[in-house]
Protein backbone atom coordinates (compact mmCIF):
# COMPACT_ATOMS: atom_id res chain seq x y z
CA UNK A 1 -0.29 -0.17 0.06
CA UNK A 2 1.39 3.18 -1.32
CA UNK A 3 0.78 7.32 0.50
CA UNK A 4 1.79 10.59 -0.10
CA UNK A 5 1.19 13.61 0.54
CA UNK A 6 0.93 17.01 -0.83
CA UNK A 7 0.44 20.55 -0.03
CA UNK A 8 -0.45 23.47 -2.32
CA UNK A 9 -0.62 27.03 -1.77
CA UNK A 10 -3.63 29.14 -2.18
CA UNK A 11 -3.79 32.06 -5.41
CA UNK A 12 -4.80 35.50 -6.49
CA UNK A 13 -7.39 34.35 -9.90
CA UNK A 14 -7.13 36.39 -12.12
CA UNK A 15 -4.64 39.40 -11.12
CA UNK A 16 -7.14 42.21 -12.31
CA UNK A 17 -7.40 42.21 -15.59
CA UNK A 18 -6.13 39.04 -16.73
CA UNK A 19 -9.66 37.15 -16.19
CA UNK A 20 -8.94 33.21 -16.41
CA UNK A 21 -5.65 33.89 -18.16
CA UNK A 22 -3.48 35.36 -14.68
CA UNK A 23 -3.43 33.70 -11.69
CA UNK A 24 -0.66 34.33 -9.13
CA UNK A 25 0.46 31.41 -6.22
CA UNK A 26 0.68 33.30 -2.52
CA UNK A 27 2.51 31.85 0.70
CA UNK A 28 0.49 30.78 4.08
CA UNK A 29 -2.51 29.35 3.61
CA UNK A 30 -2.97 26.02 1.83
CA UNK A 31 -4.65 22.68 1.10
CA UNK A 32 -2.68 19.43 2.25
CA UNK A 33 -4.16 15.88 -0.20
CA UNK A 34 -3.18 12.64 1.63
CA UNK A 35 -3.90 10.30 -1.09
CA UNK A 36 -3.94 6.04 -0.19
CA UNK A 37 -3.85 3.45 -2.49
CA UNK A 38 -5.09 0.15 -1.90
CA UNK A 39 -8.08 1.71 0.27
CA UNK A 40 -11.34 3.41 -0.63
CA UNK A 41 -14.06 5.29 1.89
CA UNK A 42 -15.43 8.50 1.59
CA UNK A 43 -13.45 11.43 1.29
CA UNK A 44 -11.82 12.81 5.33
CA UNK A 45 -12.40 16.82 4.97
CA UNK A 46 -10.11 18.23 8.08
CA UNK A 47 -9.90 21.78 9.16
CA UNK A 48 -10.72 24.67 7.59
CA UNK A 49 -15.12 25.26 6.22
CA UNK A 50 -14.46 21.00 6.40
CA UNK A 51 -18.13 20.65 6.60
CA UNK A 52 -19.04 22.62 3.42
CA UNK A 53 -16.76 20.09 1.72
CA UNK A 54 -18.78 16.73 0.28
CA UNK A 55 -17.09 13.33 1.98
CA UNK A 56 -18.37 11.63 -1.22
CA UNK A 57 -15.31 10.99 -3.74
CA UNK A 58 -17.65 11.36 -6.83
CA UNK A 59 -18.71 14.70 -6.01
CA UNK A 60 -15.21 15.93 -4.07
CA UNK A 61 -12.37 17.77 -6.48
CA UNK A 62 -8.86 16.44 -4.45
CA UNK A 63 -10.63 12.89 -4.92
CA UNK A 64 -11.90 13.11 -9.28
CA UNK A 65 -7.95 15.08 -9.38
CA UNK A 66 -6.64 12.20 -7.96
CA UNK A 67 -9.35 9.44 -9.70
CA UNK A 68 -7.92 11.56 -12.85
CA UNK A 69 -4.49 10.50 -12.23
CA UNK A 70 -5.06 6.90 -11.78
CA UNK A 71 -6.72 7.04 -14.97
CA UNK A 72 -3.98 8.97 -16.92
CA UNK A 73 -1.12 6.87 -15.34
CA UNK A 74 -2.96 3.65 -15.78
CA UNK A 75 -5.79 3.46 -18.64
CA UNK A 76 -6.09 -0.62 -17.53
CA UNK A 77 -5.80 -0.54 -14.37
CA UNK A 78 -8.25 -2.71 -13.16
CA UNK A 79 -11.27 -1.10 -10.46
CA UNK A 80 -10.51 -3.50 -7.73
CA UNK A 81 -6.68 -2.47 -8.25
CA UNK A 82 -7.48 2.00 -8.30
CA UNK A 83 -9.02 2.06 -5.28
CA UNK A 84 -7.99 5.17 -3.44
CA UNK A 85 -8.79 7.14 -0.15
CA UNK A 86 -8.40 10.51 0.20
CA UNK A 87 -7.78 12.72 3.22
CA UNK A 88 -7.95 16.57 2.90
CA UNK A 89 -6.62 19.00 5.41
CA UNK A 90 -8.20 22.27 4.49
CA UNK A 91 -6.54 25.99 5.01
CA UNK A 92 -7.81 28.16 2.52
CA UNK A 93 -11.75 28.86 3.19
CA UNK A 94 -14.93 27.48 0.86
CA UNK A 95 -16.01 29.92 -1.63
CA UNK A 96 -13.37 32.54 -0.48
CA UNK A 97 -11.89 33.90 -3.62
CA UNK A 98 -8.31 32.03 -3.42
CA UNK A 99 -8.18 29.56 -5.00
CA UNK A 100 -8.91 26.53 -2.64
CA UNK A 101 -10.96 24.49 -5.66
CA UNK A 102 -7.97 24.65 -6.76
CA UNK A 103 -5.10 23.67 -4.16
CA UNK A 104 -7.19 20.15 -3.37
CA UNK A 105 -7.40 19.80 -7.15
CA UNK A 106 -4.09 20.13 -7.93
CA UNK A 107 -2.81 18.40 -4.33
CA UNK A 108 -5.08 15.04 -5.23
CA UNK A 109 -3.49 14.45 -8.52
CA UNK A 110 0.10 15.49 -7.73
CA UNK A 111 0.03 13.02 -4.43
CA UNK A 112 -2.10 10.90 -6.19
CA UNK A 113 1.18 10.15 -8.71
CA UNK A 114 3.43 9.86 -6.18
CA UNK A 115 1.35 6.94 -4.20
CA UNK A 116 2.05 5.68 -7.55
CA UNK A 117 5.82 5.95 -7.26
CA UNK A 118 5.66 7.49 -11.22
CA UNK A 119 7.24 11.33 -11.91
CA UNK A 120 4.62 13.32 -14.29
CA UNK A 121 4.99 17.06 -15.84
CA UNK A 122 3.47 20.19 -14.44
CA UNK A 123 1.34 19.62 -17.70
CA UNK A 124 -0.43 16.50 -16.59
CA UNK A 125 -0.87 17.54 -12.30
CA UNK A 126 -2.45 20.09 -14.29
CA UNK A 127 -4.26 17.96 -16.28
CA UNK A 128 -5.95 15.86 -13.73
CA UNK A 129 -6.15 18.95 -11.87
CA UNK A 130 -8.68 20.44 -14.50
CA UNK A 131 -11.13 17.63 -13.42
CA UNK A 132 -11.49 18.08 -10.40
CA UNK A 133 -11.97 21.97 -10.81
CA UNK A 134 -14.20 20.97 -13.28
CA UNK A 135 -16.42 20.25 -11.09
CA UNK A 136 -16.62 22.69 -8.58
CA UNK A 137 -16.41 26.04 -11.16
CA UNK A 138 -15.09 25.55 -14.45
CA UNK A 139 -12.74 24.96 -16.75
CA UNK A 140 -10.11 27.69 -16.58
CA UNK A 141 -6.38 27.48 -15.64
CA UNK A 142 -6.04 30.65 -13.33
CA UNK A 143 -4.94 29.37 -10.23
CA UNK A 144 -4.47 25.83 -10.95
CA UNK A 145 -1.46 26.47 -12.93
CA UNK A 146 0.28 29.04 -10.15
CA UNK A 147 -0.84 26.65 -7.36
CA UNK A 148 1.14 23.82 -9.52
CA UNK A 149 4.56 26.28 -11.11
CA UNK A 150 4.56 28.65 -8.27
CA UNK A 151 4.44 32.67 -8.86
CA UNK A 152 2.40 34.30 -11.74
CA UNK A 153 1.77 32.46 -14.38
CA UNK A 154 -0.10 32.53 -17.79
CA UNK A 155 -1.80 30.30 -18.91
CA UNK A 156 -1.46 30.89 -22.41
CA UNK A 157 -4.15 27.64 -23.83
CA UNK A 158 -6.09 24.08 -22.20
CA UNK A 159 -5.89 22.32 -25.00
CA UNK A 160 -3.66 21.94 -25.13
CA UNK A 161 -1.93 23.19 -21.86
CA UNK A 162 0.78 25.87 -21.98
CA UNK A 163 1.34 27.54 -19.09
CA UNK A 164 4.44 30.32 -18.49
CA UNK A 165 5.29 31.46 -15.54
CA UNK A 166 6.27 35.17 -15.50
CA UNK A 167 8.79 37.03 -13.31
CA UNK A 168 7.66 39.12 -10.02
CA UNK A 169 9.61 41.30 -8.44
CA UNK A 170 11.54 40.27 -5.49
CA UNK A 171 10.03 42.60 -3.07
CA UNK A 172 6.43 42.57 -4.00
CA UNK A 173 4.13 41.17 -1.87
CA UNK A 174 0.15 40.83 -1.75
CA UNK A 175 -2.42 42.31 1.16
CA UNK A 176 -5.61 40.39 1.37
CA UNK A 177 -8.38 40.70 3.25
CA UNK A 178 -11.58 38.36 3.09
CA UNK A 179 -14.87 39.48 4.84
CA UNK A 180 -17.20 36.77 5.97
CA UNK A 181 -19.48 36.40 3.48
CA UNK A 182 -19.66 33.26 0.38
CA UNK A 183 -19.38 34.00 -3.18
CA UNK A 184 -19.86 30.79 -4.96
CA UNK A 185 -17.45 30.68 -8.36
CA UNK A 186 -19.89 29.07 -10.53
CA UNK A 187 -23.21 32.20 -9.15
CA UNK A 188 -20.14 34.87 -9.92
CA UNK A 189 -19.76 33.03 -13.50
CA UNK A 190 -23.13 33.50 -14.48
CA UNK A 191 -23.48 37.32 -13.99
CA UNK A 192 -20.00 38.06 -16.03
CA UNK A 193 -21.63 38.88 -20.07
CA UNK A 194 -20.89 35.90 -22.42
CA UNK A 195 -19.76 38.57 -24.67
CA UNK A 196 -18.44 42.01 -24.72
CA UNK A 197 -17.84 44.79 -26.77
CA UNK A 198 -14.76 45.46 -28.86
CA UNK A 199 -13.37 48.84 -27.40
CA UNK A 200 -13.64 47.01 -24.14
CA UNK A 201 -12.11 43.88 -25.39
CA UNK A 202 -9.39 45.52 -26.63
CA UNK A 203 -8.41 47.55 -23.18
CA UNK A 204 -8.63 44.84 -21.72
CA UNK A 205 -6.37 43.03 -23.79
CA UNK A 206 -3.90 46.06 -23.08
CA UNK A 207 -4.02 46.29 -19.25
CA UNK A 208 -3.26 42.53 -19.11
CA UNK A 209 -0.23 42.92 -21.38
CA UNK A 210 0.97 46.20 -19.57
CA UNK A 211 0.88 44.47 -16.40
CA UNK A 212 2.45 41.44 -17.11
CA UNK A 213 5.17 43.89 -18.33
CA UNK A 214 5.25 45.96 -14.82
CA UNK A 215 5.03 42.37 -13.01
CA UNK A 216 8.45 42.15 -15.37
CA UNK A 217 10.25 44.94 -15.24
CA UNK A 218 9.10 46.26 -11.43
CA UNK A 219 7.20 49.15 -12.41
CA UNK A 220 4.98 50.00 -10.17
CA UNK A 221 3.24 53.00 -11.77
CA UNK A 222 2.59 51.25 -14.54
CA UNK A 223 1.06 48.49 -12.74
CA UNK A 224 -1.48 51.15 -10.81
CA UNK A 225 -2.23 52.09 -14.56
CA UNK A 226 -2.48 48.73 -15.64
CA UNK A 227 -4.38 46.42 -12.82
CA UNK A 228 -7.75 47.61 -14.15
CA UNK A 229 -10.62 45.10 -14.57
CA UNK A 230 -13.59 46.31 -16.94
CA UNK A 231 -14.78 42.73 -17.11
CA UNK A 232 -15.16 41.34 -13.94
CA UNK A 233 -15.05 43.61 -11.19
CA UNK A 234 -18.06 46.06 -12.11
CA UNK A 235 -20.37 43.09 -12.35
CA UNK A 236 -19.20 41.83 -9.12
CA UNK A 237 -18.20 44.37 -6.69
CA UNK A 238 -22.15 44.59 -5.67
CA UNK A 239 -21.83 41.25 -4.41
CA UNK A 240 -18.29 42.47 -1.65
CA UNK A 241 -19.38 44.46 1.42
CA UNK A 242 -17.35 47.89 0.95
CA UNK A 243 -14.96 46.78 -2.15
CA UNK A 244 -15.08 50.35 -3.42
CA UNK A 245 -14.10 52.09 -0.27
CA UNK A 246 -11.61 49.08 0.24
CA UNK A 247 -9.97 49.27 -3.05
CA UNK A 248 -9.41 53.45 -3.02
CA UNK A 249 -8.57 53.48 0.84
CA UNK A 250 -5.85 50.31 -0.61
CA UNK A 251 -5.03 53.01 -3.43
CA UNK A 252 -4.49 55.92 -0.99
CA UNK A 253 -1.71 54.17 1.21
CA UNK A 254 0.37 53.72 -1.77
CA UNK A 255 -0.78 49.84 -3.49
CA UNK A 256 0.53 49.42 -6.97
CA UNK A 257 -3.13 47.89 -7.27
CA UNK A 258 -6.18 46.67 -6.09
CA UNK A 259 -9.00 44.55 -7.54
CA UNK A 260 -10.96 41.13 -6.45
CA UNK A 261 -9.18 37.77 -5.82
CA UNK A 262 -10.93 35.47 -8.53
CA UNK A 263 -14.50 35.26 -7.64
CA UNK A 264 -14.35 37.37 -4.42
CA UNK A 265 -14.88 38.09 -1.60
CA UNK A 266 -11.18 38.30 -0.91
CA UNK A 267 -9.79 41.99 -1.97
CA UNK A 268 -6.21 41.60 -3.22
CA UNK A 269 -3.98 44.77 -2.91
CA UNK A 270 -0.45 44.45 -4.74
CA UNK A 271 2.09 45.83 -2.59
CA UNK A 272 6.00 46.26 -2.19
CA UNK A 273 7.98 45.97 1.17
CA UNK A 274 7.13 50.12 2.05
CA UNK A 275 3.76 50.43 1.78
CA UNK A 276 2.87 46.95 2.41
CA UNK A 277 1.65 47.35 6.61
CA UNK A 278 0.33 50.68 6.10
CA UNK A 279 -2.24 49.27 2.73
CA UNK A 280 -3.59 46.87 4.88
CA UNK A 281 -3.83 49.00 8.11
CA UNK A 282 -6.35 51.80 5.87
CA UNK A 283 -8.23 47.95 4.20
CA UNK A 284 -8.43 46.91 7.66
CA UNK A 285 -10.43 50.52 8.45
CA UNK A 286 -12.27 51.32 4.68
CA UNK A 287 -13.86 47.52 5.79
CA UNK A 288 -15.27 49.15 8.92
CA UNK A 289 -17.54 46.57 11.55
CA UNK A 290 -17.49 43.80 8.68
CA UNK A 291 -16.04 40.95 9.79
CA UNK A 292 -12.72 40.31 8.22
CA UNK A 293 -9.70 38.32 7.90
CA UNK A 294 -6.87 39.95 6.82
CA UNK A 295 -3.05 39.32 6.59
CA UNK A 296 0.16 40.10 3.86
CA UNK A 297 1.47 37.43 2.10
CA UNK A 298 4.64 36.76 0.16
CA UNK A 299 4.79 35.10 -3.06
CA UNK A 300 4.53 31.65 -2.92
CA UNK A 301 7.83 31.07 -5.50
CA UNK A 302 7.16 27.79 -5.28
CA UNK A 303 4.12 25.66 -6.14
CA UNK A 304 2.92 22.49 -5.02
CA UNK A 305 4.75 20.41 -3.30
CA UNK A 306 6.04 16.67 -1.21
CA UNK A 307 5.36 16.80 2.71
């Protein structure tokens, strides 16, 4: 009987204008998944929001991804030999906008491969993780790719998977504040228009490209101009308490940019070492008496890894 355990960090999906294609892995909280081969049973879920996650392996993102990896490695594996048991230690909130389902999916896929004793590529991990993520929120890599690779990642293509790790300045980090509300990704995606006018689309492309250039060059002034999401943010902001006030406070305190992490409700701001504390304090004041968690997170330079 073989088993393996993998930790996967959280992430900021979209990073403002990069809808479904940009993601930034962040240190601190993450999900840890253990896969044990040769036995079966309900998924064991411990830790944060454990009661909110399904224990049925057919409905749990980590278990779905782990089984997808087993099928990939051993397509002819007999059902009696393909049994696995999954244990999740949750560190990321459910429906919190920090890539919780993606982290569980990546960790589950990677742990399954390690339990089988095989070396797999990042692309193979991402492909299996996509099956778990699809069940929860849809088929996109903006969280899966940075969680797998670490750092800032551009997902150029899903078919085939083509994810490019990009440069991040050493002294840039992320201020995060999470109001105590839940926003399901499928719900947050449903309110977005399937089509968009040409002028807005062109500006969004320009903002995304400029944001990548700002990270590559460490140009905070450019990041401030570029981190402007015209597509998802205006439509999702009303779902997040005091979003406009928190964003304004972050920018006034010196943040390079501020927007919604993934589908929300987490609000993120890109900061450097000289402004990180003052920005976070300003965001806390702006959220007022609304219950929320907040922290400064370093960029996770390392993606999912065995523990």
